[in-house]
Amino acid sequence: MLRKVVLTSVALLAVAGCKGGTPSMSHGGVELVYEVAAAGADDARAGALAETARKVAMARLAAVKLPAVVRVDGRKLRVGLPSGESASRAMDAKALLAVVGVLELREVQDATFLKDLGKDLDEEGPIKVTRDNWEDQNGKPRGCFMVDSVDEANVRKIFPKDKLPSGVELVPQQGGGTAGEHLLFMALGAPVITNDVIQSARPLKDPMSTPTTLIKLTAEGAKKLEETTERIKGKKLAIVLDGKITSTPVVMGVLSGGDVQIPQPDVGDRKEREKNASLLAAAIDAGALPGPMTLSEERPVSGR
């Protein structure tokens, strides 16, 4: 069962993060206003989504000791960051709430069918089928076919879901698709690990290794991971966050114990990557938001 966020008095005090108890915007600060529901959702549905989002947001902010006033305003979620340290950490709050927190582990397919579906594509055109090569645990060359494109819409048109094998989906890698950057789409099988079997998440702080978020699975999840990695040794397992692939490690052996590591991309300085690993851990540990939230306004608030 998907973990539910339970807000105890201890969690509420952690959100307050100050000796005076509940945080207040009486001295001003910054307010972040989020659209929680899609435009087509009715008011009742939108309000229910906003209330769920409020609880998750409070738990996440508590985890990183960021004082905030979080309230539902009709279809919107308003996050008030009081003046002082709280307001100065607005970037942290935005990063924390930009993550929906839906985590999946999925088998990467060899996807020879992509070569057949894309047989008429120009090799020098904007969309092409390419191949990712690696070596398995025995040093034997392996690989999988994938789609390279700057335009997701055309990828979906040329490689529609009904032309893919049952249970297979084309999923983009994280980080591409902006300012003309290429997106790589890999063919993944159905999820084998989801939020339902996540027990906890925490950052790994080792100065000798890449900043990483460690996901601990339940006993059920650990068994699924062990069975899956036994079956696909030598192939790749994709870690997918919010519908985008963050990494595709080669399975060199059976993974037992129920630990999954999500390393931070090698971008920016170490301190920034360590912070991002901590924010991701807080987001996943508190539970997923009901859906993506759009930041519609960020405004200063005057004291009263």
Protein backbone atom coordinates (compact mmCIF):
# COMPACT_ATOMS: atom_id res chain seq x y z
CA MET A 1 0.00 0.00 0.00
CA LEU A 2 1.27 3.46 -0.84
CA ARG A 3 2.63 5.14 2.25
CA LYS A 4 0.41 7.89 3.63
CA VAL A 5 1.73 11.11 5.06
CA VAL A 6 0.78 11.43 8.72
CA LEU A 7 1.29 14.83 10.29
CA THR A 8 1.88 14.52 14.01
CA SER A 9 2.44 17.38 16.41
CA VAL A 10 6.17 16.61 16.18
CA ALA A 11 6.10 17.04 12.39
CA LEU A 12 4.20 20.29 12.72
CA LEU A 13 6.80 21.64 15.14
CA ALA A 14 9.52 20.57 12.74
CA VAL A 15 7.86 22.58 9.99
CA ALA A 16 7.70 25.55 12.30
CA GLY A 17 11.42 25.18 12.89
CA CYS A 18 11.54 28.00 15.40
CA LYS A 19 11.42 28.35 19.15
CA GLY A 20 8.25 30.42 18.99
CA GLY A 21 6.21 27.52 17.64
CA THR A 22 4.02 27.92 14.55
CA PRO A 23 5.67 30.11 11.87
CA SER A 24 4.04 33.42 11.00
CA MET A 25 4.11 35.78 8.04
CA SER A 26 3.46 38.79 10.30
CA HIS A 27 6.97 40.12 9.61
CA GLY A 28 6.74 39.48 5.88
CA GLY A 29 8.60 37.03 3.70
CA VAL A 30 8.02 35.30 0.38
CA GLU A 31 4.90 33.49 -0.85
CA LEU A 32 4.95 30.77 -3.50
CA VAL A 33 1.59 30.15 -5.20
CA TYR A 34 1.03 26.81 -6.92
CA GLU A 35 -1.66 25.58 -9.30
CA VAL A 36 -2.33 22.04 -8.16
CA ALA A 37 -5.08 20.76 -10.47
CA ALA A 38 -5.42 20.77 -14.24
CA ALA A 39 -7.79 23.34 -15.71
CA GLY A 40 -10.45 20.71 -16.47
CA ALA A 41 -10.77 19.42 -12.91
CA ASP A 42 -13.93 20.43 -11.04
CA ASP A 43 -13.62 22.52 -7.87
CA ALA A 44 -14.25 19.61 -5.49
CA ARG A 45 -11.59 17.46 -7.13
CA ALA A 46 -9.15 20.38 -7.26
CA GLY A 47 -9.70 21.13 -3.59
CA ALA A 48 -9.07 17.50 -2.61
CA LEU A 49 -5.83 17.45 -4.62
CA ALA A 50 -4.73 20.73 -3.02
CA GLU A 51 -5.34 19.36 0.48
CA THR A 52 -3.31 16.22 -0.27
CA ALA A 53 -0.56 18.40 -1.71
CA ARG A 54 -0.61 20.55 1.44
CA LYS A 55 0.05 17.56 3.67
CA VAL A 56 2.89 16.27 1.49
CA ALA A 57 4.41 19.76 1.20
CA MET A 58 4.36 20.22 4.98
CA ALA A 59 6.06 16.87 5.54
CA ARG A 60 8.76 17.66 2.99
CA LEU A 61 9.46 21.13 4.39
CA ALA A 62 9.61 19.67 7.88
CA ALA A 63 12.20 17.14 6.75
CA VAL A 64 14.59 19.89 5.63
CA LYS A 65 13.74 22.10 8.65
CA LEU A 66 12.32 24.89 6.53
CA PRO A 67 9.71 27.00 8.42
CA ALA A 68 6.65 27.63 6.28
CA VAL A 69 2.96 28.46 6.38
CA VAL A 70 1.20 26.13 3.94
CA ARG A 71 -2.49 26.60 3.18
CA VAL A 72 -5.09 25.71 0.58
CA ASP A 73 -6.77 28.59 -1.24
CA GLY A 74 -9.50 27.08 -3.41
CA ARG A 75 -7.65 25.41 -6.29
CA LYS A 76 -4.29 26.80 -5.22
CA LEU A 77 -1.63 25.92 -2.68
CA ARG A 78 0.05 28.86 -0.98
CA VAL A 79 3.45 28.32 0.65
CA GLY A 80 4.53 31.23 2.85
CA LEU A 81 8.21 31.47 3.80
CA PRO A 82 8.63 33.91 6.71
CA SER A 83 11.32 36.61 6.55
CA GLY A 84 14.83 35.59 7.58
CA GLU A 85 16.46 32.27 6.86
CA SER A 86 13.21 30.74 5.64
CA ALA A 87 12.68 33.33 2.89
CA SER A 88 16.33 33.06 1.84
CA ARG A 89 15.78 29.36 1.18
CA ALA A 90 13.01 29.91 -1.37
CA MET A 91 15.10 28.10 -4.00
CA ASP A 92 15.23 25.02 -1.76
CA ALA A 93 11.46 25.11 -1.29
CA LYS A 94 10.89 25.42 -5.03
CA ALA A 95 13.26 22.54 -5.79
CA LEU A 96 11.57 20.40 -3.13
CA LEU A 97 8.08 21.03 -4.52
CA ALA A 98 9.09 20.69 -8.17
CA VAL A 99 9.55 16.94 -7.63
CA VAL A 100 6.36 14.89 -7.82
CA GLY A 101 8.20 11.95 -6.29
CA VAL A 102 6.96 9.06 -8.46
CA LEU A 103 9.83 6.55 -8.57
CA GLU A 104 10.00 3.46 -10.79
CA LEU A 105 12.57 0.82 -11.67
CA ARG A 106 12.05 -0.65 -15.14
CA GLU A 107 13.93 -3.08 -17.34
CA VAL A 108 15.61 -1.54 -20.41
CA GLN A 109 14.56 -3.45 -23.53
CA ASP A 110 16.94 -4.42 -26.34
CA ALA A 111 14.29 -2.81 -28.59
CA THR A 112 15.28 -4.18 -31.99
CA PHE A 113 11.68 -3.36 -32.99
CA LEU A 114 12.61 0.35 -32.98
CA LYS A 115 14.96 -0.28 -35.88
CA ASP A 116 12.09 -1.77 -37.88
CA LEU A 117 9.66 1.00 -36.99
CA GLY A 118 12.20 3.67 -37.91
CA LYS A 119 13.53 2.03 -41.06
CA ASP A 120 12.35 4.94 -43.26
CA LEU A 121 13.96 7.67 -41.15
CA ASP A 122 16.81 9.71 -42.59
CA GLU A 123 20.00 8.94 -40.66
CA GLU A 124 20.88 12.64 -40.79
CA GLY A 125 17.35 13.81 -39.94
CA PRO A 126 15.99 15.30 -36.70
CA ILE A 127 14.76 11.89 -35.50
CA LYS A 128 16.81 8.73 -35.74
CA VAL A 129 17.24 5.32 -34.17
CA THR A 130 20.61 4.87 -32.55
CA ARG A 131 22.22 2.27 -30.31
CA ASP A 132 23.55 2.35 -26.77
CA ASN A 133 26.47 -0.06 -26.27
CA TRP A 134 27.95 -1.50 -23.08
CA GLU A 135 29.54 -4.67 -21.73
CA ASP A 136 27.81 -7.17 -19.47
CA GLN A 137 29.23 -8.78 -16.32
CA ASN A 138 31.32 -11.14 -18.45
CA GLY A 139 32.74 -8.39 -20.65
CA LYS A 140 30.52 -9.42 -23.55
CA PRO A 141 29.32 -6.55 -25.80
CA ARG A 142 25.64 -5.71 -25.32
CA GLY A 143 23.41 -2.88 -26.42
CA CYS A 144 19.92 -1.56 -26.97
CA PHE A 145 18.24 0.55 -29.62
CA MET A 146 16.80 3.94 -28.70
CA VAL A 147 15.37 7.05 -30.35
CA ASP A 148 17.28 10.33 -30.63
CA SER A 149 15.21 13.46 -31.27
CA VAL A 150 14.75 17.13 -30.38
CA ASP A 151 10.96 16.84 -30.68
CA GLU A 152 8.93 14.56 -28.41
CA ALA A 153 5.69 15.08 -30.34
CA ASN A 154 7.12 13.58 -33.52
CA VAL A 155 8.61 10.67 -31.60
CA ARG A 156 5.14 9.81 -30.29
CA LYS A 157 3.78 10.09 -33.84
CA ILE A 158 6.39 7.89 -35.50
CA PHE A 159 6.58 5.38 -32.64
CA PRO A 160 2.98 5.27 -31.33
CA LYS A 161 2.21 3.20 -28.26
CA ASP A 162 -0.01 0.80 -30.21
CA LYS A 163 2.99 -0.14 -32.40
CA LEU A 164 5.16 -1.06 -29.41
CA PRO A 165 5.12 -4.50 -27.75
CA SER A 166 2.59 -4.91 -24.95
CA GLY A 167 3.79 -3.45 -21.66
CA VAL A 168 6.62 -1.46 -23.30
CA GLU A 169 6.84 2.34 -23.24
CA LEU A 170 9.23 4.89 -24.74
CA VAL A 171 10.55 7.01 -21.85
CA PRO A 172 12.83 10.07 -22.24
CA GLN A 173 16.07 10.53 -20.39
CA GLN A 174 16.29 13.40 -17.93
CA GLY A 175 18.04 16.60 -18.92
CA GLY A 176 17.39 16.98 -22.67
CA GLY A 177 14.77 18.66 -24.81
CA THR A 178 15.52 22.32 -24.02
CA ALA A 179 17.21 24.91 -26.22
CA GLY A 180 17.59 22.42 -29.07
CA GLU A 181 19.16 19.71 -26.92
CA HIS A 182 18.48 16.15 -28.00
CA LEU A 183 16.21 13.82 -26.09
CA LEU A 184 17.00 10.12 -25.91
CA PHE A 185 14.03 7.78 -25.59
CA MET A 186 14.56 4.25 -24.32
CA ALA A 187 12.11 1.37 -24.50
CA LEU A 188 11.29 0.22 -20.97
CA GLY A 189 9.25 -2.65 -19.64
CA ALA A 190 6.50 -2.30 -17.04
CA PRO A 191 7.60 -0.98 -13.62
CA VAL A 192 8.97 -3.66 -11.29
CA ILE A 193 9.54 -1.30 -8.33
CA THR A 194 7.21 1.62 -7.46
CA ASN A 195 6.50 3.92 -4.51
CA ASP A 196 4.32 1.21 -2.97
CA VAL A 197 7.43 -0.67 -1.81
CA ILE A 198 9.56 2.28 -0.68
CA GLN A 199 10.28 2.19 3.05
CA SER A 200 12.51 5.25 3.40
CA ALA A 201 14.91 7.59 1.62
CA ARG A 202 17.97 9.42 2.90
CA PRO A 203 21.06 11.14 1.48
CA LEU A 204 24.39 9.33 1.53
CA LYS A 205 27.18 11.58 2.79
CA ASP A 206 30.51 10.12 1.72
CA PRO A 207 33.16 12.67 0.71
CA MET A 208 34.87 10.02 -1.44
CA SER A 209 31.85 9.20 -3.63
CA THR A 210 29.20 10.90 -5.75
CA PRO A 211 26.39 12.56 -3.72
CA THR A 212 23.59 10.00 -3.73
CA THR A 213 20.06 9.44 -2.48
CA LEU A 214 19.63 6.00 -0.90
CA ILE A 215 16.22 4.35 -1.25
CA LYS A 216 15.42 1.56 1.21
CA LEU A 217 12.77 -0.91 0.03
CA THR A 218 10.33 -2.95 2.07
CA ALA A 219 10.81 -6.72 2.34
CA GLU A 220 8.38 -7.14 -0.58
CA GLY A 221 10.30 -4.60 -2.65
CA ALA A 222 13.66 -6.15 -1.82
CA LYS A 223 12.37 -9.54 -3.01
CA LYS A 224 11.08 -8.04 -6.28
CA LEU A 225 14.40 -6.29 -6.88
CA GLU A 226 16.37 -9.47 -6.18
CA GLU A 227 14.20 -11.53 -8.54
CA THR A 228 14.38 -8.90 -11.28
CA THR A 229 18.15 -8.46 -11.14
CA GLU A 230 18.63 -12.24 -11.14
CA ARG A 231 16.56 -12.42 -14.34
CA ILE A 232 18.20 -9.53 -16.23
CA LYS A 233 21.89 -9.86 -15.24
CA GLY A 234 24.04 -8.22 -17.88
CA LYS A 235 21.24 -5.92 -19.04
CA LYS A 236 20.29 -2.43 -17.90
CA LEU A 237 17.79 -1.36 -15.24
CA ALA A 238 16.38 2.15 -15.60
CA ILE A 239 15.73 4.39 -12.61
CA VAL A 240 12.79 6.61 -13.57
CA LEU A 241 11.75 9.67 -11.58
CA ASP A 242 8.56 11.53 -12.51
CA GLY A 243 8.45 9.93 -15.94
CA LYS A 244 12.08 10.58 -16.92
CA ILE A 245 15.09 8.26 -16.80
CA THR A 246 17.74 9.45 -14.33
CA SER A 247 20.21 6.61 -14.92
CA THR A 248 20.47 3.16 -16.51
CA PRO A 249 23.05 1.10 -14.60
CA VAL A 250 24.13 -2.27 -15.96
CA VAL A 251 23.08 -5.11 -13.63
CA MET A 252 26.37 -6.84 -12.86
CA GLY A 253 24.92 -9.18 -10.25
CA VAL A 254 21.93 -9.91 -8.06
CA LEU A 255 20.91 -6.96 -5.87
CA SER A 256 19.82 -8.16 -2.44
CA GLY A 257 19.09 -6.18 0.69
CA GLY A 258 16.63 -3.76 -0.88
CA ASP A 259 18.88 -0.72 -1.38
CA VAL A 260 18.63 1.46 -4.48
CA GLN A 261 20.99 4.38 -5.05
CA ILE A 262 20.15 7.46 -7.15
CA PRO A 263 23.41 9.32 -7.85
CA GLN A 264 23.37 13.03 -8.60
CA PRO A 265 24.46 14.09 -12.12
CA ASP A 266 28.03 15.34 -12.27
CA VAL A 267 26.92 18.95 -12.77
CA GLY A 268 27.71 21.90 -10.51
CA ASP A 269 29.86 21.91 -7.38
CA ARG A 270 29.80 19.18 -4.76
CA LYS A 271 27.96 21.26 -2.16
CA GLU A 272 25.11 21.87 -4.60
CA ARG A 273 24.90 18.19 -5.52
CA GLU A 274 24.86 17.18 -1.86
CA LYS A 275 21.97 19.58 -1.26
CA ASN A 276 20.08 18.16 -4.25
CA ALA A 277 20.57 14.61 -2.95
CA SER A 278 19.12 15.71 0.43
CA LEU A 279 16.16 17.47 -1.18
CA LEU A 280 15.38 14.44 -3.34
CA ALA A 281 15.53 12.18 -0.27
CA ALA A 282 13.10 14.46 1.59
CA ALA A 283 10.72 14.53 -1.38
CA ILE A 284 10.62 10.74 -1.81
CA ASP A 285 10.56 9.94 1.91
CA ALA A 286 7.54 12.19 2.52
CA GLY A 287 5.56 10.55 -0.27
CA ALA A 288 4.56 11.58 -3.77
CA LEU A 289 2.49 14.64 -4.57
CA PRO A 290 -0.88 13.94 -6.23
CA GLY A 291 0.55 15.34 -9.47
CA PRO A 292 2.81 18.06 -10.89
CA MET A 293 2.33 21.52 -9.38
CA THR A 294 2.83 24.67 -11.44
CA LEU A 295 4.43 27.66 -9.73
CA SER A 296 2.19 30.48 -10.94
CA GLU A 297 3.43 33.29 -8.71
CA GLU A 298 6.30 34.17 -6.39
CA ARG A 299 5.75 37.39 -4.52
CA PRO A 300 7.19 39.30 -1.56
CA VAL A 301 4.87 39.71 1.43
CA SER A 302 5.05 42.84 3.57
CA GLY A 303 4.95 42.63 7.34
CA ARG A 304 1.85 43.65 9.25
